[in-house]
Amino acid sequence: QVHLVESGGGEVQAGGSLRLSCAASGFPFSSYAMSWYRQAPGKERELVASIATYGGNINYADAVKGRFTISRNNTANTLYLQMNNLKPEDTAVYYCKGTRWSSPEYWGQGTQVTVSP
């Protein structure tokens, strides 16, 4: 059974940091490209960052470039998102997603990040 479990969310003040984790099981994690999405209240879900199977080909949304860092540990089957200099507009539910060509995509249940002014 496939599981993607996000953790590390919480409430911080503006300028603070959080590190999100996404623990994967039940599918071949190392062969899936992984990404982080977020959804703020009343807004559509948006891509935050993505990373290829081998840890390269990293891309970020313009809004988070220079502040967020995506990484993965294929031995530990875990995806990470280091978030620094957080802003109130980063407040959202953050989701991880696994994607592989011709395979179903997998989503986690999300973790709430709240940034207060």
C-alpha atoms as a PDB file:
ATOM      1  CA  GLN A   1       0.000   0.000   0.000  1.00  0.00           C
ATOM      2  CA  VAL A   2       1.329   3.401  -1.012  1.00  0.00           C
ATOM      3  CA  HIS A   3       1.913   6.006   1.653  1.00  0.00           C
ATOM      4  CA  LEU A   4       3.282   9.524   1.448  1.00  0.00           C
ATOM      5  CA  VAL A   5       3.322  11.113   4.877  1.00  0.00           C
ATOM      6  CA  GLU A   6       4.276  14.764   5.293  1.00  0.00           C
ATOM      7  CA  SER A   7       5.520  16.147   8.587  1.00  0.00           C
ATOM      8  CA  GLY A   8       7.310  19.199   9.945  1.00  0.00           C
ATOM      9  CA  GLY A   9       4.612  21.789   9.455  1.00  0.00           C
ATOM     10  CA  GLY A  10       3.610  24.226  12.137  1.00  0.00           C
ATOM     11  CA  GLU A  11       3.306  27.877  12.999  1.00  0.00           C
ATOM     12  CA  VAL A  12       6.239  30.249  12.827  1.00  0.00           C
ATOM     13  CA  GLN A  13       6.776  33.976  12.725  1.00  0.00           C
ATOM     14  CA  ALA A  14       7.817  35.741   9.559  1.00  0.00           C
ATOM     15  CA  GLY A  15      11.528  35.267   8.944  1.00  0.00           C
ATOM     16  CA  GLY A  16      11.551  31.881  10.590  1.00  0.00           C
ATOM     17  CA  SER A  17      12.345  28.456   9.161  1.00  0.00           C
ATOM     18  CA  LEU A  18      10.723  25.057   8.876  1.00  0.00           C
ATOM     19  CA  ARG A  19      11.852  21.771   7.384  1.00  0.00           C
ATOM     20  CA  LEU A  20       9.185  19.583   5.858  1.00  0.00           C
ATOM     21  CA  SER A  21       9.652  15.863   5.345  1.00  0.00           C
ATOM     22  CA  CYS A  22       7.722  13.422   3.201  1.00  0.00           C
ATOM     23  CA  ALA A  23       8.215   9.761   4.075  1.00  0.00           C
ATOM     24  CA  ALA A  24       7.391   7.383   1.230  1.00  0.00           C
ATOM     25  CA  SER A  25       6.550   3.692   1.281  1.00  0.00           C
ATOM     26  CA  GLY A  26       4.839   1.115  -0.900  1.00  0.00           C
ATOM     27  CA  PHE A  27       6.340   2.207  -4.225  1.00  0.00           C
ATOM     28  CA  PRO A  28       9.843   2.501  -5.749  1.00  0.00           C
ATOM     29  CA  PHE A  29      10.637   5.974  -4.441  1.00  0.00           C
ATOM     30  CA  SER A  30      13.992   6.317  -6.195  1.00  0.00           C
ATOM     31  CA  SER A  31      12.372   5.921  -9.619  1.00  0.00           C
ATOM     32  CA  TYR A  32       9.823   8.683  -9.036  1.00  0.00           C
ATOM     33  CA  ALA A  33      10.306  12.381  -9.600  1.00  0.00           C
ATOM     34  CA  MET A  34       9.085  14.176  -6.515  1.00  0.00           C
ATOM     35  CA  SER A  35       7.617  17.571  -5.915  1.00  0.00           C
ATOM     36  CA  TRP A  36       6.106  19.838  -3.292  1.00  0.00           C
ATOM     37  CA  TYR A  37       2.841  21.669  -3.852  1.00  0.00           C
ATOM     38  CA  ARG A  38       0.918  24.051  -1.650  1.00  0.00           C
ATOM     39  CA  GLN A  39      -2.638  25.264  -1.423  1.00  0.00           C
ATOM     40  CA  ALA A  40      -3.667  28.387   0.411  1.00  0.00           C
ATOM     41  CA  PRO A  41      -7.290  29.002   1.441  1.00  0.00           C
ATOM     42  CA  GLY A  42      -9.385  30.035  -1.539  1.00  0.00           C
ATOM     43  CA  LYS A  43      -6.556  29.447  -3.991  1.00  0.00           C
ATOM     44  CA  GLU A  44      -5.616  26.700  -6.407  1.00  0.00           C
ATOM     45  CA  ARG A  45      -2.917  24.193  -5.567  1.00  0.00           C
ATOM     46  CA  GLU A  46       0.430  25.365  -6.945  1.00  0.00           C
ATOM     47  CA  LEU A  47       3.800  23.794  -7.591  1.00  0.00           C
ATOM     48  CA  VAL A  48       6.485  24.901  -5.151  1.00  0.00           C
ATOM     49  CA  ALA A  49       9.506  22.799  -6.128  1.00  0.00           C
ATOM     50  CA  SER A  50      10.402  19.629  -7.984  1.00  0.00           C
ATOM     51  CA  ILE A  51      13.354  17.251  -8.087  1.00  0.00           C
ATOM     52  CA  ALA A  52      14.298  14.439 -10.443  1.00  0.00           C
ATOM     53  CA  THR A  53      14.869  10.838  -9.446  1.00  0.00           C
ATOM     54  CA  TYR A  54      18.621  11.257  -9.045  1.00  0.00           C
ATOM     55  CA  GLY A  55      18.395  14.543  -7.151  1.00  0.00           C
ATOM     56  CA  GLY A  56      19.087  16.845 -10.059  1.00  0.00           C
ATOM     57  CA  ASN A  57      16.919  18.889 -12.411  1.00  0.00           C
ATOM     58  CA  ILE A  58      15.620  20.971  -9.519  1.00  0.00           C
ATOM     59  CA  ASN A  59      13.061  23.679 -10.183  1.00  0.00           C
ATOM     60  CA  TYR A  60      11.402  26.268  -7.950  1.00  0.00           C
ATOM     61  CA  ALA A  61       8.454  28.566  -8.199  1.00  0.00           C
ATOM     62  CA  ASP A  62       9.587  32.171  -8.517  1.00  0.00           C
ATOM     63  CA  ALA A  63       7.944  33.021  -5.197  1.00  0.00           C
ATOM     64  CA  VAL A  64      10.240  30.697  -3.250  1.00  0.00           C
ATOM     65  CA  LYS A  65      13.534  30.882  -5.170  1.00  0.00           C
ATOM     66  CA  GLY A  66      16.438  31.640  -2.876  1.00  0.00           C
ATOM     67  CA  ARG A  67      14.430  30.787   0.253  1.00  0.00           C
ATOM     68  CA  PHE A  68      13.370  27.140  -0.171  1.00  0.00           C
ATOM     69  CA  THR A  69      15.529  24.096  -0.901  1.00  0.00           C
ATOM     70  CA  ILE A  70      14.176  20.751  -2.063  1.00  0.00           C
ATOM     71  CA  SER A  71      16.203  17.584  -1.553  1.00  0.00           C
ATOM     72  CA  ARG A  72      15.729  13.840  -1.320  1.00  0.00           C
ATOM     73  CA  ASN A  73      17.329  10.828   0.293  1.00  0.00           C
ATOM     74  CA  ASN A  74      16.645   7.766  -1.841  1.00  0.00           C
ATOM     75  CA  THR A  75      18.122   5.451   0.779  1.00  0.00           C
ATOM     76  CA  ALA A  76      15.700   6.730   3.386  1.00  0.00           C
ATOM     77  CA  ASN A  77      12.807   7.104   0.900  1.00  0.00           C
ATOM     78  CA  THR A  78      12.293  10.660   2.084  1.00  0.00           C
ATOM     79  CA  LEU A  79      11.734  14.000   0.405  1.00  0.00           C
ATOM     80  CA  TYR A  80      12.546  17.283   2.134  1.00  0.00           C
ATOM     81  CA  LEU A  81      11.744  20.957   1.821  1.00  0.00           C
ATOM     82  CA  GLN A  82      13.868  23.396   3.784  1.00  0.00           C
ATOM     83  CA  MET A  83      12.009  26.682   4.057  1.00  0.00           C
ATOM     84  CA  ASN A  84      13.876  29.770   5.236  1.00  0.00           C
ATOM     85  CA  ASN A  85      12.886  33.415   5.604  1.00  0.00           C
ATOM     86  CA  LEU A  86       9.238  32.432   5.653  1.00  0.00           C
ATOM     87  CA  LYS A  87       6.627  35.020   4.770  1.00  0.00           C
ATOM     88  CA  PRO A  88       2.920  35.215   5.657  1.00  0.00           C
ATOM     89  CA  GLU A  89       2.101  34.505   2.018  1.00  0.00           C
ATOM     90  CA  ASP A  90       3.771  31.094   2.408  1.00  0.00           C
ATOM     91  CA  THR A  91       0.882  30.056   4.660  1.00  0.00           C
ATOM     92  CA  ALA A  92      -0.738  26.999   3.067  1.00  0.00           C
ATOM     93  CA  VAL A  93      -1.161  23.269   3.268  1.00  0.00           C
ATOM     94  CA  TYR A  94       1.932  21.661   1.755  1.00  0.00           C
ATOM     95  CA  TYR A  95       1.707  18.389  -0.155  1.00  0.00           C
ATOM     96  CA  CYS A  96       4.293  16.056  -1.623  1.00  0.00           C
ATOM     97  CA  LYS A  97       3.688  14.236  -4.884  1.00  0.00           C
ATOM     98  CA  GLY A  98       5.400  11.376  -6.654  1.00  0.00           C
ATOM     99  CA  THR A  99       5.329  11.098 -10.449  1.00  0.00           C
ATOM    100  CA  ARG A 100       6.633   8.531 -12.896  1.00  0.00           C
ATOM    101  CA  TRP A 101       5.916   8.223 -16.596  1.00  0.00           C
ATOM    102  CA  SER A 102       3.058   5.816 -17.320  1.00  0.00           C
ATOM    103  CA  SER A 103       2.412   5.229 -13.609  1.00  0.00           C
ATOM    104  CA  PRO A 104      -0.180   6.629 -11.230  1.00  0.00           C
ATOM    105  CA  GLU A 105       0.844   9.732  -9.335  1.00  0.00           C
ATOM    106  CA  TYR A 106       0.802   9.659  -5.550  1.00  0.00           C
ATOM    107  CA  TRP A 107      -0.099  12.451  -3.134  1.00  0.00           C
ATOM    108  CA  GLY A 108       0.392  12.867   0.565  1.00  0.00           C
ATOM    109  CA  GLN A 109      -2.310  14.113   2.918  1.00  0.00           C
ATOM    110  CA  GLY A 110      -0.653  17.480   3.499  1.00  0.00           C
ATOM    111  CA  THR A 111       0.853  19.401   6.389  1.00  0.00           C
ATOM    112  CA  GLN A 112      -0.204  22.880   7.483  1.00  0.00           C
ATOM    113  CA  VAL A 113       2.309  25.728   7.486  1.00  0.00           C
ATOM    114  CA  THR A 114       1.212  28.986   9.077  1.00  0.00           C
ATOM    115  CA  VAL A 115       3.417  32.068   9.050  1.00  0.00           C
ATOM    116  CA  SER A 116       2.384  34.953  11.268  1.00  0.00           C
ATOM    117  CA  PRO A 117       3.467  38.555  10.567  1.00  0.00           C
END
